[in-house]
Amino acid sequence: MGSTEKQNERSRQKVAVVGVGSLGRHHARNYAELDREGRVELAAVCDIDAAAAAAMSGEYGCEGLSDWRELIGRVDAVSIASPTETHSEIGCAFLGSGTHVLVEKPIAVTLADADRLIAAAESSGAKLMVGQLERFNPAMAALRPHVTDPLYFEIHRVSPFPNRSLDVDVVLDVMIHDLDAVQWLVGPDVRIKEIRAVGIPVISDKVDAANARLEFENGAVANITASRVGTEKIRKTRFYQPNAYVVLDYATKFASLTTLKPNASNPLLGISINRLEIDDIEPLRAEITAFLDSIENDVQPPVTGEDGRRALALAVGVLERIEEHIDGLRRRMKEKPPNPMESAAP
């Protein structure tokens, strides 16, 4: 083996995936592809379901474990795609040992747990990145440079009922993608002025459908609808900014800007629709690559622990407003005067 090959072999980061369910298996697949390309070494996959870990390890030729603790000190970086309530314990253990962590959204169940993860990363110097996947969608990547001052959003994220992520409600499961995106586009330093929200359980015992209205201190407003009891899959964002109407479809990877030429003799003749060109890379591949780049270049990850905490804080605020609304409905039902017709004898 030549000196260059030896250096490349030494520089390959050892990585592992904790949780190989519906999303974690795609982390493992991407790391396996990067392994074949010589970028990383996929050392292990881990899942509490030993059979699932064994099947995945057999497919990708790596070690399969059922206890994530066995990986501490043995890998350079890890993706955590286990249930949300485990993120803090597992992430803090890896970060405390100096292992870089890519943790799936939401960063944690509570803000206190998110703070523990952030503190663990700061203490050890290890990188902490949160998997807000839609930031890496090719349509968003193409659109982001064109965003100036978004003022009004209409967002819909609807899907059929899943067989996954039932440990959390629809707000933490899928709406958090759009809560993060809106805050990112408006500006992370722009504070929220008011949150209004409604939501109800439909099939599960958690909120399955919700609507939130966010008002920012700069006047921007966002209406966000999320449901996991739909009959079709919709992941669309529309927003307005000065001189532009923007359409973003995450599912079809489509983005366009409709603008009006200021000197047009007729408004209809001055309309210009610009469909943006995209680099059609798998969003998760782009996310993992950005995580590895941040480690190798020793720079801040593109989605920090603080970013993940801000998205979680918004989600918590939405859930609090939903609970207040549900409580109000319950009170009004109890206070409703009896209907004399219902008690009348036949």
C-alpha atoms as a PDB file:
ATOM      1  CA  MET A   1       0.000   0.000   0.000  1.00  0.00           C
ATOM      2  CA  GLY A   2       1.433   3.395  -1.042  1.00  0.00           C
ATOM      3  CA  SER A   3       1.824   6.376   1.318  1.00  0.00           C
ATOM      4  CA  THR A   4      -1.248   8.163  -0.145  1.00  0.00           C
ATOM      5  CA  GLU A   5      -3.407   5.086   0.301  1.00  0.00           C
ATOM      6  CA  LYS A   6      -2.176   4.690   3.873  1.00  0.00           C
ATOM      7  CA  GLN A   7      -3.054   8.317   4.628  1.00  0.00           C
ATOM      8  CA  ASN A   8      -6.531   7.885   3.117  1.00  0.00           C
ATOM      9  CA  GLU A   9      -7.048   4.750   5.191  1.00  0.00           C
ATOM     10  CA  ARG A  10      -6.013   6.551   8.384  1.00  0.00           C
ATOM     11  CA  SER A  11      -8.238   9.565   7.645  1.00  0.00           C
ATOM     12  CA  ARG A  12     -11.422   7.523   7.161  1.00  0.00           C
ATOM     13  CA  GLN A  13     -13.762   8.152  10.051  1.00  0.00           C
ATOM     14  CA  LYS A  14     -15.319   5.182  11.769  1.00  0.00           C
ATOM     15  CA  VAL A  15     -19.070   5.693  11.941  1.00  0.00           C
ATOM     16  CA  ALA A  16     -22.048   3.837  13.377  1.00  0.00           C
ATOM     17  CA  VAL A  17     -25.837   4.102  13.333  1.00  0.00           C
ATOM     18  CA  VAL A  18     -27.931   3.710  16.477  1.00  0.00           C
ATOM     19  CA  GLY A  19     -31.498   2.763  15.596  1.00  0.00           C
ATOM     20  CA  VAL A  20     -32.077   1.093  12.233  1.00  0.00           C
ATOM     21  CA  GLY A  21     -35.829   1.536  11.927  1.00  0.00           C
ATOM     22  CA  SER A  22     -37.624   3.377   9.126  1.00  0.00           C
ATOM     23  CA  LEU A  23     -35.126   6.251   8.989  1.00  0.00           C
ATOM     24  CA  GLY A  24     -32.019   4.753  10.583  1.00  0.00           C
ATOM     25  CA  ARG A  25     -31.777   2.097   7.889  1.00  0.00           C
ATOM     26  CA  HIS A  26     -31.348   4.882   5.341  1.00  0.00           C
ATOM     27  CA  HIS A  27     -28.557   6.389   7.428  1.00  0.00           C
ATOM     28  CA  ALA A  28     -26.875   2.960   7.343  1.00  0.00           C
ATOM     29  CA  ARG A  29     -27.380   2.679   3.582  1.00  0.00           C
ATOM     30  CA  ASN A  30     -25.830   6.077   2.947  1.00  0.00           C
ATOM     31  CA  TYR A  31     -22.859   5.384   5.212  1.00  0.00           C
ATOM     32  CA  ALA A  32     -22.382   2.036   3.446  1.00  0.00           C
ATOM     33  CA  GLU A  33     -22.300   3.832   0.096  1.00  0.00           C
ATOM     34  CA  LEU A  34     -19.779   6.334   1.471  1.00  0.00           C
ATOM     35  CA  ASP A  35     -17.779   3.393   2.823  1.00  0.00           C
ATOM     36  CA  ARG A  36     -17.570   1.874  -0.665  1.00  0.00           C
ATOM     37  CA  GLU A  37     -16.436   5.262  -1.970  1.00  0.00           C
ATOM     38  CA  GLY A  38     -13.662   5.409   0.635  1.00  0.00           C
ATOM     39  CA  ARG A  39     -15.077   8.356   2.589  1.00  0.00           C
ATOM     40  CA  VAL A  40     -15.878   6.574   5.887  1.00  0.00           C
ATOM     41  CA  GLU A  41     -15.785   3.153   7.476  1.00  0.00           C
ATOM     42  CA  LEU A  42     -19.199   1.904   8.570  1.00  0.00           C
ATOM     43  CA  ALA A  43     -18.099   0.089  11.701  1.00  0.00           C
ATOM     44  CA  ALA A  44     -21.433  -0.974  13.164  1.00  0.00           C
ATOM     45  CA  VAL A  45     -25.189  -0.664  13.309  1.00  0.00           C
ATOM     46  CA  CYS A  46     -27.092  -0.955  16.556  1.00  0.00           C
ATOM     47  CA  ASP A  47     -30.715  -1.564  17.435  1.00  0.00           C
ATOM     48  CA  ILE A  48     -32.549  -2.833  20.494  1.00  0.00           C
ATOM     49  CA  ASP A  49     -34.060  -5.339  18.068  1.00  0.00           C
ATOM     50  CA  ALA A  50     -31.082  -7.693  17.719  1.00  0.00           C
ATOM     51  CA  ALA A  51     -32.584  -9.366  14.649  1.00  0.00           C
ATOM     52  CA  ALA A  52     -32.929  -6.028  12.855  1.00  0.00           C
ATOM     53  CA  ALA A  53     -29.334  -5.115  13.718  1.00  0.00           C
ATOM     54  CA  ALA A  54     -28.099  -8.515  12.544  1.00  0.00           C
ATOM     55  CA  ALA A  55     -29.974  -8.241   9.243  1.00  0.00           C
ATOM     56  CA  MET A  56     -28.584  -4.776   8.578  1.00  0.00           C
ATOM     57  CA  SER A  57     -25.031  -5.725   9.573  1.00  0.00           C
ATOM     58  CA  GLY A  58     -25.198  -8.733   7.281  1.00  0.00           C
ATOM     59  CA  GLU A  59     -26.323  -6.572   4.383  1.00  0.00           C
ATOM     60  CA  TYR A  60     -23.563  -4.011   4.812  1.00  0.00           C
ATOM     61  CA  GLY A  61     -20.741  -6.162   6.169  1.00  0.00           C
ATOM     62  CA  CYS A  62     -20.356  -4.384   9.499  1.00  0.00           C
ATOM     63  CA  GLU A  63     -20.822  -5.314  13.137  1.00  0.00           C
ATOM     64  CA  GLY A  64     -24.344  -5.613  14.516  1.00  0.00           C
ATOM     65  CA  LEU A  65     -25.070  -4.724  18.142  1.00  0.00           C
ATOM     66  CA  SER A  66     -28.114  -4.466  20.377  1.00  0.00           C
ATOM     67  CA  ASP A  67     -26.482  -2.270  23.079  1.00  0.00           C
ATOM     68  CA  TRP A  68     -25.264   1.151  21.979  1.00  0.00           C
ATOM     69  CA  ARG A  69     -22.990   1.391  25.019  1.00  0.00           C
ATOM     70  CA  GLU A  70     -20.643  -1.092  23.371  1.00  0.00           C
ATOM     71  CA  LEU A  71     -19.831   1.555  20.761  1.00  0.00           C
ATOM     72  CA  ILE A  72     -18.583   4.202  23.197  1.00  0.00           C
ATOM     73  CA  GLY A  73     -14.964   5.009  22.415  1.00  0.00           C
ATOM     74  CA  ARG A  74     -14.903   2.781  19.334  1.00  0.00           C
ATOM     75  CA  VAL A  75     -16.222   5.144  16.650  1.00  0.00           C
ATOM     76  CA  ASP A  76     -15.514   8.718  15.581  1.00  0.00           C
ATOM     77  CA  ALA A  77     -19.073   9.682  14.675  1.00  0.00           C
ATOM     78  CA  VAL A  78     -22.565   8.304  15.091  1.00  0.00           C
ATOM     79  CA  SER A  79     -26.045   8.874  13.703  1.00  0.00           C
ATOM     80  CA  ILE A  80     -28.771   8.551  16.324  1.00  0.00           C
ATOM     81  CA  ALA A  81     -32.118   7.547  14.823  1.00  0.00           C
ATOM     82  CA  SER A  82     -33.577   5.859  17.887  1.00  0.00           C
ATOM     83  CA  PRO A  83     -36.916   6.908  19.500  1.00  0.00           C
ATOM     84  CA  THR A  84     -36.964  10.583  20.461  1.00  0.00           C
ATOM     85  CA  GLU A  85     -37.116   9.975  24.214  1.00  0.00           C
ATOM     86  CA  THR A  86     -33.710   8.216  24.013  1.00  0.00           C
ATOM     87  CA  HIS A  87     -31.882  10.988  22.143  1.00  0.00           C
ATOM     88  CA  SER A  88     -30.617  12.828  25.208  1.00  0.00           C
ATOM     89  CA  GLU A  89     -29.240   9.824  27.092  1.00  0.00           C
ATOM     90  CA  ILE A  90     -27.562   8.261  24.067  1.00  0.00           C
ATOM     91  CA  GLY A  91     -26.359  11.540  22.574  1.00  0.00           C
ATOM     92  CA  CYS A  92     -24.870  12.826  25.829  1.00  0.00           C
ATOM     93  CA  ALA A  93     -22.981   9.560  26.342  1.00  0.00           C
ATOM     94  CA  PHE A  94     -21.389   9.725  22.895  1.00  0.00           C
ATOM     95  CA  LEU A  95     -20.688  13.469  23.039  1.00  0.00           C
ATOM     96  CA  GLY A  96     -19.142  13.040  26.492  1.00  0.00           C
ATOM     97  CA  SER A  97     -16.695  10.515  25.038  1.00  0.00           C
ATOM     98  CA  GLY A  98     -15.724  12.929  22.246  1.00  0.00           C
ATOM     99  CA  THR A  99     -17.787  11.207  19.553  1.00  0.00           C
ATOM    100  CA  HIS A 100     -19.450  13.476  16.982  1.00  0.00           C
ATOM    101  CA  VAL A 101     -23.233  13.118  16.866  1.00  0.00           C
ATOM    102  CA  LEU A 102     -25.842  13.568  14.147  1.00  0.00           C
ATOM    103  CA  VAL A 103     -29.163  13.229  15.979  1.00  0.00           C
ATOM    104  CA  GLU A 104     -32.430  12.974  14.110  1.00  0.00           C
ATOM    105  CA  LYS A 105     -35.163  15.549  14.640  1.00  0.00           C
ATOM    106  CA  PRO A 106     -36.595  16.441  17.024  1.00  0.00           C
ATOM    107  CA  ILE A 107     -33.399  16.954  18.978  1.00  0.00           C
ATOM    108  CA  ALA A 108     -35.163  15.729  22.141  1.00  0.00           C
ATOM    109  CA  VAL A 109     -38.567  15.511  23.799  1.00  0.00           C
ATOM    110  CA  THR A 110     -37.966  18.384  26.241  1.00  0.00           C
ATOM    111  CA  LEU A 111     -35.995  21.605  26.159  1.00  0.00           C
ATOM    112  CA  ALA A 112     -34.087  20.470  29.247  1.00  0.00           C
ATOM    113  CA  ASP A 113     -32.920  17.368  27.368  1.00  0.00           C
ATOM    114  CA  ALA A 114     -31.937  19.535  24.387  1.00  0.00           C
ATOM    115  CA  ASP A 115     -29.918  21.749  26.715  1.00  0.00           C
ATOM    116  CA  ARG A 116     -28.112  18.699  28.084  1.00  0.00           C
ATOM    117  CA  LEU A 117     -27.091  17.663  24.586  1.00  0.00           C
ATOM    118  CA  ILE A 118     -25.865  21.155  23.733  1.00  0.00           C
ATOM    119  CA  ALA A 119     -23.908  21.371  26.997  1.00  0.00           C
ATOM    120  CA  ALA A 120     -22.330  17.947  26.411  1.00  0.00           C
ATOM    121  CA  ALA A 121     -21.134  19.027  22.964  1.00  0.00           C
ATOM    122  CA  GLU A 122     -19.730  22.304  24.284  1.00  0.00           C
ATOM    123  CA  SER A 123     -17.926  20.522  27.111  1.00  0.00           C
ATOM    124  CA  SER A 124     -16.265  17.880  24.938  1.00  0.00           C
ATOM    125  CA  GLY A 125     -15.776  19.876  21.746  1.00  0.00           C
ATOM    126  CA  ALA A 126     -17.493  17.172  19.703  1.00  0.00           C
ATOM    127  CA  LYS A 127     -19.814  18.234  16.875  1.00  0.00           C
ATOM    128  CA  LEU A 128     -23.570  18.074  17.435  1.00  0.00           C
ATOM    129  CA  MET A 129     -25.782  18.320  14.363  1.00  0.00           C
ATOM    130  CA  VAL A 130     -29.567  17.946  14.206  1.00  0.00           C
ATOM    131  CA  GLY A 131     -31.183  16.156  11.279  1.00  0.00           C
ATOM    132  CA  GLN A 132     -33.615  18.773   9.972  1.00  0.00           C
ATOM    133  CA  LEU A 133     -33.762  16.981   6.647  1.00  0.00           C
ATOM    134  CA  GLU A 134     -35.821  19.460   4.625  1.00  0.00           C
ATOM    135  CA  ARG A 135     -33.032  22.030   4.777  1.00  0.00           C
ATOM    136  CA  PHE A 136     -31.133  19.644   2.485  1.00  0.00           C
ATOM    137  CA  ASN A 137     -33.950  19.027   0.028  1.00  0.00           C
ATOM    138  CA  PRO A 138     -32.633  20.021  -3.441  1.00  0.00           C
ATOM    139  CA  ALA A 139     -35.574  22.373  -3.948  1.00  0.00           C
ATOM    140  CA  MET A 140     -34.807  24.204  -0.699  1.00  0.00           C
ATOM    141  CA  ALA A 141     -31.089  24.283  -1.514  1.00  0.00           C
ATOM    142  CA  ALA A 142     -31.875  25.928  -4.873  1.00  0.00           C
ATOM    143  CA  LEU A 143     -34.380  28.353  -3.343  1.00  0.00           C
ATOM    144  CA  ARG A 144     -32.489  29.512  -0.259  1.00  0.00           C
ATOM    145  CA  PRO A 145     -30.224  32.067  -2.057  1.00  0.00           C
ATOM    146  CA  HIS A 146     -33.314  33.780  -3.499  1.00  0.00           C
ATOM    147  CA  VAL A 147     -35.085  34.295  -0.177  1.00  0.00           C
ATOM    148  CA  THR A 148     -35.077  37.947   0.881  1.00  0.00           C
ATOM    149  CA  ASP A 149     -37.810  39.023   3.284  1.00  0.00           C
ATOM    150  CA  PRO A 150     -40.607  36.427   3.469  1.00  0.00           C
ATOM    151  CA  LEU A 151     -43.756  37.910   4.964  1.00  0.00           C
ATOM    152  CA  TYR A 152     -46.583  35.390   4.586  1.00  0.00           C
ATOM    153  CA  PHE A 153     -46.427  31.566   4.464  1.00  0.00           C
ATOM    154  CA  GLU A 154     -49.073  28.948   3.660  1.00  0.00           C
ATOM    155  CA  ILE A 155     -47.731  25.473   4.372  1.00  0.00           C
ATOM    156  CA  HIS A 156     -49.346  22.038   4.097  1.00  0.00           C
ATOM    157  CA  ARG A 157     -47.749  18.750   5.137  1.00  0.00           C
ATOM    158  CA  VAL A 158     -50.181  15.836   4.910  1.00  0.00           C
ATOM    159  CA  SER A 159     -49.599  12.099   4.698  1.00  0.00           C
ATOM    160  CA  PRO A 160     -51.422   8.806   5.265  1.00  0.00           C
ATOM    161  CA  PHE A 161     -51.239   7.362   8.774  1.00  0.00           C
ATOM    162  CA  PRO A 162     -47.725   5.976   9.338  1.00  0.00           C
ATOM    163  CA  ASN A 163     -46.491   2.822  11.011  1.00  0.00           C
ATOM    164  CA  ARG A 164     -43.644   4.767  12.592  1.00  0.00           C
ATOM    165  CA  SER A 165     -42.917   7.684  14.941  1.00  0.00           C
ATOM    166  CA  LEU A 166     -46.037   7.016  16.988  1.00  0.00           C
ATOM    167  CA  ASP A 167     -44.054   7.831  20.132  1.00  0.00           C
ATOM    168  CA  VAL A 168     -44.613  11.526  19.340  1.00  0.00           C
ATOM    169  CA  ASP A 169     -47.506  13.623  18.040  1.00  0.00           C
ATOM    170  CA  VAL A 170     -47.765  15.091  14.547  1.00  0.00           C
ATOM    171  CA  VAL A 171     -46.190  18.378  15.681  1.00  0.00           C
ATOM    172  CA  LEU A 172     -42.937  16.759  16.814  1.00  0.00           C
ATOM    173  CA  ASP A 173     -43.108  14.157  14.061  1.00  0.00           C
ATOM    174  CA  VAL A 174     -43.578  16.237  10.902  1.00  0.00           C
ATOM    175  CA  MET A 175     -44.670  19.834  11.596  1.00  0.00           C
ATOM    176  CA  ILE A 176     -41.278  20.463  13.166  1.00  0.00           C
ATOM    177  CA  HIS A 177     -39.774  20.350   9.648  1.00  0.00           C
ATOM    178  CA  ASP A 178     -41.786  23.425   8.702  1.00  0.00           C
ATOM    179  CA  LEU A 179     -41.366  25.160  12.050  1.00  0.00           C
ATOM    180  CA  ASP A 180     -37.607  24.901  11.529  1.00  0.00           C
ATOM    181  CA  ALA A 181     -37.766  25.987   7.889  1.00  0.00           C
ATOM    182  CA  VAL A 182     -39.946  29.037   8.577  1.00  0.00           C
ATOM    183  CA  GLN A 183     -37.744  30.215  11.408  1.00  0.00           C
ATOM    184  CA  TRP A 184     -34.629  29.634   9.274  1.00  0.00           C
ATOM    185  CA  LEU A 185     -36.066  31.612   6.337  1.00  0.00           C
ATOM    186  CA  VAL A 186     -37.475  34.488   8.390  1.00  0.00           C
ATOM    187  CA  GLY A 187     -34.255  34.624  10.407  1.00  0.00           C
ATOM    188  CA  PRO A 188     -33.230  32.811  13.598  1.00  0.00           C
ATOM    189  CA  ASP A 189     -32.812  36.125  15.405  1.00  0.00           C
ATOM    190  CA  VAL A 190     -36.388  37.251  14.683  1.00  0.00           C
ATOM    191  CA  ARG A 191     -38.480  36.522  17.756  1.00  0.00           C
ATOM    192  CA  ILE A 192     -41.941  34.967  17.802  1.00  0.00           C
ATOM    193  CA  LYS A 193     -44.643  37.425  18.862  1.00  0.00           C
ATOM    194  CA  GLU A 194     -47.606  35.053  19.080  1.00  0.00           C
ATOM    195  CA  ILE A 195     -48.502  31.397  18.535  1.00  0.00           C
ATOM    196  CA  ARG A 196     -52.032  30.172  17.943  1.00  0.00           C
ATOM    197  CA  ALA A 197     -52.764  26.516  17.363  1.00  0.00           C
ATOM    198  CA  VAL A 198     -55.443  23.849  17.293  1.00  0.00           C
ATOM    199  CA  GLY A 199     -55.112  20.087  17.001  1.00  0.00           C
ATOM    200  CA  ILE A 200     -56.870  16.824  17.736  1.00  0.00           C
ATOM    201  CA  PRO A 201     -56.174  13.105  18.109  1.00  0.00           C
ATOM    202  CA  VAL A 202     -57.884  11.198  15.315  1.00  0.00           C
ATOM    203  CA  ILE A 203     -56.515   7.659  15.167  1.00  0.00           C
ATOM    204  CA  SER A 204     -53.826   7.549  17.855  1.00  0.00           C
ATOM    205  CA  ASP A 205     -53.927   8.863  21.429  1.00  0.00           C
ATOM    206  CA  LYS A 206     -51.704  11.783  20.398  1.00  0.00           C
ATOM    207  CA  VAL A 207     -52.398  14.819  18.211  1.00  0.00           C
ATOM    208  CA  ASP A 208     -52.674  13.544  14.619  1.00  0.00           C
ATOM    209  CA  ALA A 209     -53.791  16.742  12.882  1.00  0.00           C
ATOM    210  CA  ALA A 210     -52.839  20.306  13.768  1.00  0.00           C
ATOM    211  CA  ASN A 211     -52.787  23.852  12.498  1.00  0.00           C
ATOM    212  CA  ALA A 212     -50.504  26.577  13.811  1.00  0.00           C
ATOM    213  CA  ARG A 213     -50.370  30.294  13.119  1.00  0.00           C
ATOM    214  CA  LEU A 214     -47.079  31.987  13.933  1.00  0.00           C
ATOM    215  CA  GLU A 215     -46.653  35.743  14.052  1.00  0.00           C
ATOM    216  CA  PHE A 216     -43.117  37.130  14.174  1.00  0.00           C
ATOM    217  CA  GLU A 217     -42.065  40.471  15.631  1.00  0.00           C
ATOM    218  CA  ASN A 218     -41.062  41.702  12.152  1.00  0.00           C
ATOM    219  CA  GLY A 219     -44.643  41.174  10.959  1.00  0.00           C
ATOM    220  CA  ALA A 220     -44.112  37.880   9.112  1.00  0.00           C
ATOM    221  CA  VAL A 221     -46.948  35.366   9.502  1.00  0.00           C
ATOM    222  CA  ALA A 222     -46.990  31.610   8.863  1.00  0.00           C
ATOM    223  CA  ASN A 223     -49.985  29.282   8.680  1.00  0.00           C
ATOM    224  CA  ILE A 224     -48.877  25.656   8.964  1.00  0.00           C
ATOM    225  CA  THR A 225     -51.113  22.608   8.623  1.00  0.00           C
ATOM    226  CA  ALA A 226     -49.822  19.140   9.437  1.00  0.00           C
ATOM    227  CA  SER A 227     -51.764  15.898   9.351  1.00  0.00           C
ATOM    228  CA  ARG A 228     -50.899  12.219   9.348  1.00  0.00           C
ATOM    229  CA  VAL A 229     -54.431  11.036   8.599  1.00  0.00           C
ATOM    230  CA  GLY A 230     -54.655  12.149   4.983  1.00  0.00           C
ATOM    231  CA  THR A 231     -55.377  10.160   1.829  1.00  0.00           C
ATOM    232  CA  GLU A 232     -52.497  11.679  -0.155  1.00  0.00           C
ATOM    233  CA  LYS A 233     -48.995  12.972   0.459  1.00  0.00           C
ATOM    234  CA  ILE A 234     -48.569  16.752   0.333  1.00  0.00           C
ATOM    235  CA  ARG A 235     -45.431  18.641   1.311  1.00  0.00           C
ATOM    236  CA  LYS A 236     -45.900  22.127  -0.108  1.00  0.00           C
ATOM    237  CA  THR A 237     -44.828  25.569   1.023  1.00  0.00           C
ATOM    238  CA  ARG A 238     -45.967  28.821  -0.557  1.00  0.00           C
ATOM    239  CA  PHE A 239     -44.824  32.222   0.604  1.00  0.00           C
ATOM    240  CA  TYR A 240     -44.742  35.849  -0.436  1.00  0.00           C
ATOM    241  CA  GLN A 241     -41.878  38.281  -0.207  1.00  0.00           C
ATOM    242  CA  PRO A 242     -41.481  41.744  -1.784  1.00  0.00           C
ATOM    243  CA  ASN A 243     -41.930  41.371  -5.550  1.00  0.00           C
ATOM    244  CA  ALA A 244     -42.072  37.576  -5.482  1.00  0.00           C
ATOM    245  CA  TYR A 245     -44.419  34.640  -4.966  1.00  0.00           C
ATOM    246  CA  VAL A 246     -42.538  31.458  -4.090  1.00  0.00           C
ATOM    247  CA  VAL A 247     -43.633  27.829  -4.463  1.00  0.00           C
ATOM    248  CA  LEU A 248     -41.697  24.971  -2.897  1.00  0.00           C
ATOM    249  CA  ASP A 249     -42.717  21.320  -3.235  1.00  0.00           C
ATOM    250  CA  TYR A 250     -40.499  19.045  -1.170  1.00  0.00           C
ATOM    251  CA  ALA A 251     -42.065  15.855  -2.548  1.00  0.00           C
ATOM    252  CA  THR A 252     -41.465  16.631  -6.226  1.00  0.00           C
ATOM    253  CA  LYS A 253     -38.313  18.694  -5.550  1.00  0.00           C
ATOM    254  CA  PHE A 254     -39.768  21.726  -7.308  1.00  0.00           C
ATOM    255  CA  ALA A 255     -39.144  25.399  -6.593  1.00  0.00           C
ATOM    256  CA  SER A 256     -40.220  28.494  -8.513  1.00  0.00           C
ATOM    257  CA  LEU A 257     -40.319  32.266  -8.139  1.00  0.00           C
ATOM    258  CA  THR A 258     -43.023  34.330  -9.783  1.00  0.00           C
ATOM    259  CA  THR A 259     -42.088  37.998 -10.105  1.00  0.00           C
ATOM    260  CA  LEU A 260     -43.456  41.124 -11.754  1.00  0.00           C
ATOM    261  CA  LYS A 261     -41.234  43.213 -13.968  1.00  0.00           C
ATOM    262  CA  PRO A 262     -41.454  46.753 -12.554  1.00  0.00           C
ATOM    263  CA  ASN A 263     -41.508  48.534 -15.940  1.00  0.00           C
ATOM    264  CA  ALA A 264     -43.987  46.270 -17.719  1.00  0.00           C
ATOM    265  CA  SER A 265     -46.660  48.141 -19.684  1.00  0.00           C
ATOM    266  CA  ASN A 266     -49.264  45.610 -18.602  1.00  0.00           C
ATOM    267  CA  PRO A 267     -49.140  43.591 -15.362  1.00  0.00           C
ATOM    268  CA  LEU A 268     -50.096  40.391 -17.190  1.00  0.00           C
ATOM    269  CA  LEU A 269     -47.230  40.888 -19.632  1.00  0.00           C
ATOM    270  CA  GLY A 270     -44.818  41.562 -16.806  1.00  0.00           C
ATOM    271  CA  ILE A 271     -45.276  38.272 -14.968  1.00  0.00           C
ATOM    272  CA  SER A 272     -42.165  36.112 -14.993  1.00  0.00           C
ATOM    273  CA  ILE A 273     -42.083  32.543 -13.650  1.00  0.00           C
ATOM    274  CA  ASN A 274     -38.638  31.167 -12.930  1.00  0.00           C
ATOM    275  CA  ARG A 275     -38.458  27.444 -12.267  1.00  0.00           C
ATOM    276  CA  LEU A 276     -35.207  26.915 -10.390  1.00  0.00           C
ATOM    277  CA  GLU A 277     -32.677  24.325 -11.485  1.00  0.00           C
ATOM    278  CA  ILE A 278     -31.849  21.791  -8.804  1.00  0.00           C
ATOM    279  CA  ASP A 279     -29.005  19.420  -8.047  1.00  0.00           C
ATOM    280  CA  ASP A 280     -31.043  16.265  -7.476  1.00  0.00           C
ATOM    281  CA  ILE A 281     -29.081  14.708  -4.625  1.00  0.00           C
ATOM    282  CA  GLU A 282     -30.801  12.611  -1.964  1.00  0.00           C
ATOM    283  CA  PRO A 283     -31.472  14.967   0.970  1.00  0.00           C
ATOM    284  CA  LEU A 284     -30.175  12.487   3.558  1.00  0.00           C
ATOM    285  CA  ARG A 285     -26.981  11.982   1.564  1.00  0.00           C
ATOM    286  CA  ALA A 286     -26.501  15.771   1.505  1.00  0.00           C
ATOM    287  CA  GLU A 287     -27.198  15.979   5.247  1.00  0.00           C
ATOM    288  CA  ILE A 288     -24.733  13.226   6.175  1.00  0.00           C
ATOM    289  CA  THR A 289     -22.091  14.665   3.860  1.00  0.00           C
ATOM    290  CA  ALA A 290     -22.488  18.085   5.487  1.00  0.00           C
ATOM    291  CA  PHE A 291     -22.092  16.450   8.906  1.00  0.00           C
ATOM    292  CA  LEU A 292     -18.873  14.710   7.838  1.00  0.00           C
ATOM    293  CA  ASP A 293     -17.590  17.920   6.228  1.00  0.00           C
ATOM    294  CA  SER A 294     -18.101  19.834   9.473  1.00  0.00           C
ATOM    295  CA  ILE A 295     -15.995  17.253  11.317  1.00  0.00           C
ATOM    296  CA  GLU A 296     -13.205  17.086   8.763  1.00  0.00           C
ATOM    297  CA  ASN A 297     -12.999  20.870   8.355  1.00  0.00           C
ATOM    298  CA  ASP A 298     -13.587  21.547  12.068  1.00  0.00           C
ATOM    299  CA  VAL A 299     -16.397  24.017  11.389  1.00  0.00           C
ATOM    300  CA  GLN A 300     -19.848  24.501  12.859  1.00  0.00           C
ATOM    301  CA  PRO A 301     -22.414  22.030  11.482  1.00  0.00           C
ATOM    302  CA  PRO A 302     -25.040  23.613   9.222  1.00  0.00           C
ATOM    303  CA  VAL A 303     -27.827  22.671  11.659  1.00  0.00           C
ATOM    304  CA  THR A 304     -26.544  23.182  15.191  1.00  0.00           C
ATOM    305  CA  GLY A 305     -27.874  21.994  18.508  1.00  0.00           C
ATOM    306  CA  GLU A 306     -29.159  25.518  19.082  1.00  0.00           C
ATOM    307  CA  ASP A 307     -31.052  25.349  15.763  1.00  0.00           C
ATOM    308  CA  GLY A 308     -32.613  22.085  16.856  1.00  0.00           C
ATOM    309  CA  ARG A 309     -33.541  23.591  20.207  1.00  0.00           C
ATOM    310  CA  ARG A 310     -35.227  26.583  18.531  1.00  0.00           C
ATOM    311  CA  ALA A 311     -37.341  24.252  16.402  1.00  0.00           C
ATOM    312  CA  LEU A 312     -38.232  22.200  19.469  1.00  0.00           C
ATOM    313  CA  ALA A 313     -39.122  25.344  21.433  1.00  0.00           C
ATOM    314  CA  LEU A 314     -41.527  26.362  18.662  1.00  0.00           C
ATOM    315  CA  ALA A 315     -43.045  22.872  18.630  1.00  0.00           C
ATOM    316  CA  VAL A 316     -43.475  22.947  22.413  1.00  0.00           C
ATOM    317  CA  GLY A 317     -45.188  26.339  22.109  1.00  0.00           C
ATOM    318  CA  VAL A 318     -47.559  24.964  19.470  1.00  0.00           C
ATOM    319  CA  LEU A 319     -48.378  21.940  21.649  1.00  0.00           C
ATOM    320  CA  GLU A 320     -49.079  24.199  24.631  1.00  0.00           C
ATOM    321  CA  ARG A 321     -51.541  26.250  22.572  1.00  0.00           C
ATOM    322  CA  ILE A 322     -53.181  23.037  21.316  1.00  0.00           C
ATOM    323  CA  GLU A 323     -53.593  21.753  24.872  1.00  0.00           C
ATOM    324  CA  GLU A 324     -55.104  25.081  25.935  1.00  0.00           C
ATOM    325  CA  HIS A 325     -57.571  24.866  23.053  1.00  0.00           C
ATOM    326  CA  ILE A 326     -58.543  21.279  23.918  1.00  0.00           C
ATOM    327  CA  ASP A 327     -58.969  22.216  27.593  1.00  0.00           C
ATOM    328  CA  GLY A 328     -61.198  25.114  26.568  1.00  0.00           C
ATOM    329  CA  LEU A 329     -63.366  22.816  24.468  1.00  0.00           C
ATOM    330  CA  ARG A 330     -63.713  20.395  27.390  1.00  0.00           C
ATOM    331  CA  ARG A 331     -64.732  23.193  29.751  1.00  0.00           C
ATOM    332  CA  ARG A 332     -67.327  24.518  27.327  1.00  0.00           C
ATOM    333  CA  MET A 333     -68.770  21.027  26.883  1.00  0.00           C
ATOM    334  CA  LYS A 334     -69.118  20.651  30.667  1.00  0.00           C
ATOM    335  CA  GLU A 335     -70.692  24.103  31.016  1.00  0.00           C
ATOM    336  CA  LYS A 336     -73.110  23.577  28.127  1.00  0.00           C
ATOM    337  CA  PRO A 337     -76.691  23.765  29.440  1.00  0.00           C
ATOM    338  CA  PRO A 338     -78.727  20.589  28.978  1.00  0.00           C
ATOM    339  CA  ASN A 339     -80.966  20.380  25.940  1.00  0.00           C
ATOM    340  CA  PRO A 340     -84.553  19.914  27.168  1.00  0.00           C
ATOM    341  CA  MET A 341     -85.434  18.026  23.987  1.00  0.00           C
ATOM    342  CA  GLU A 342     -82.823  15.374  24.801  1.00  0.00           C
ATOM    343  CA  SER A 343     -84.484  14.611  28.170  1.00  0.00           C
ATOM    344  CA  ALA A 344     -88.084  14.839  26.988  1.00  0.00           C
ATOM    345  CA  ALA A 345     -90.115  11.638  27.209  1.00  0.00           C
ATOM    346  CA  PRO A 346     -91.091  10.095  23.890  1.00  0.00           C
END
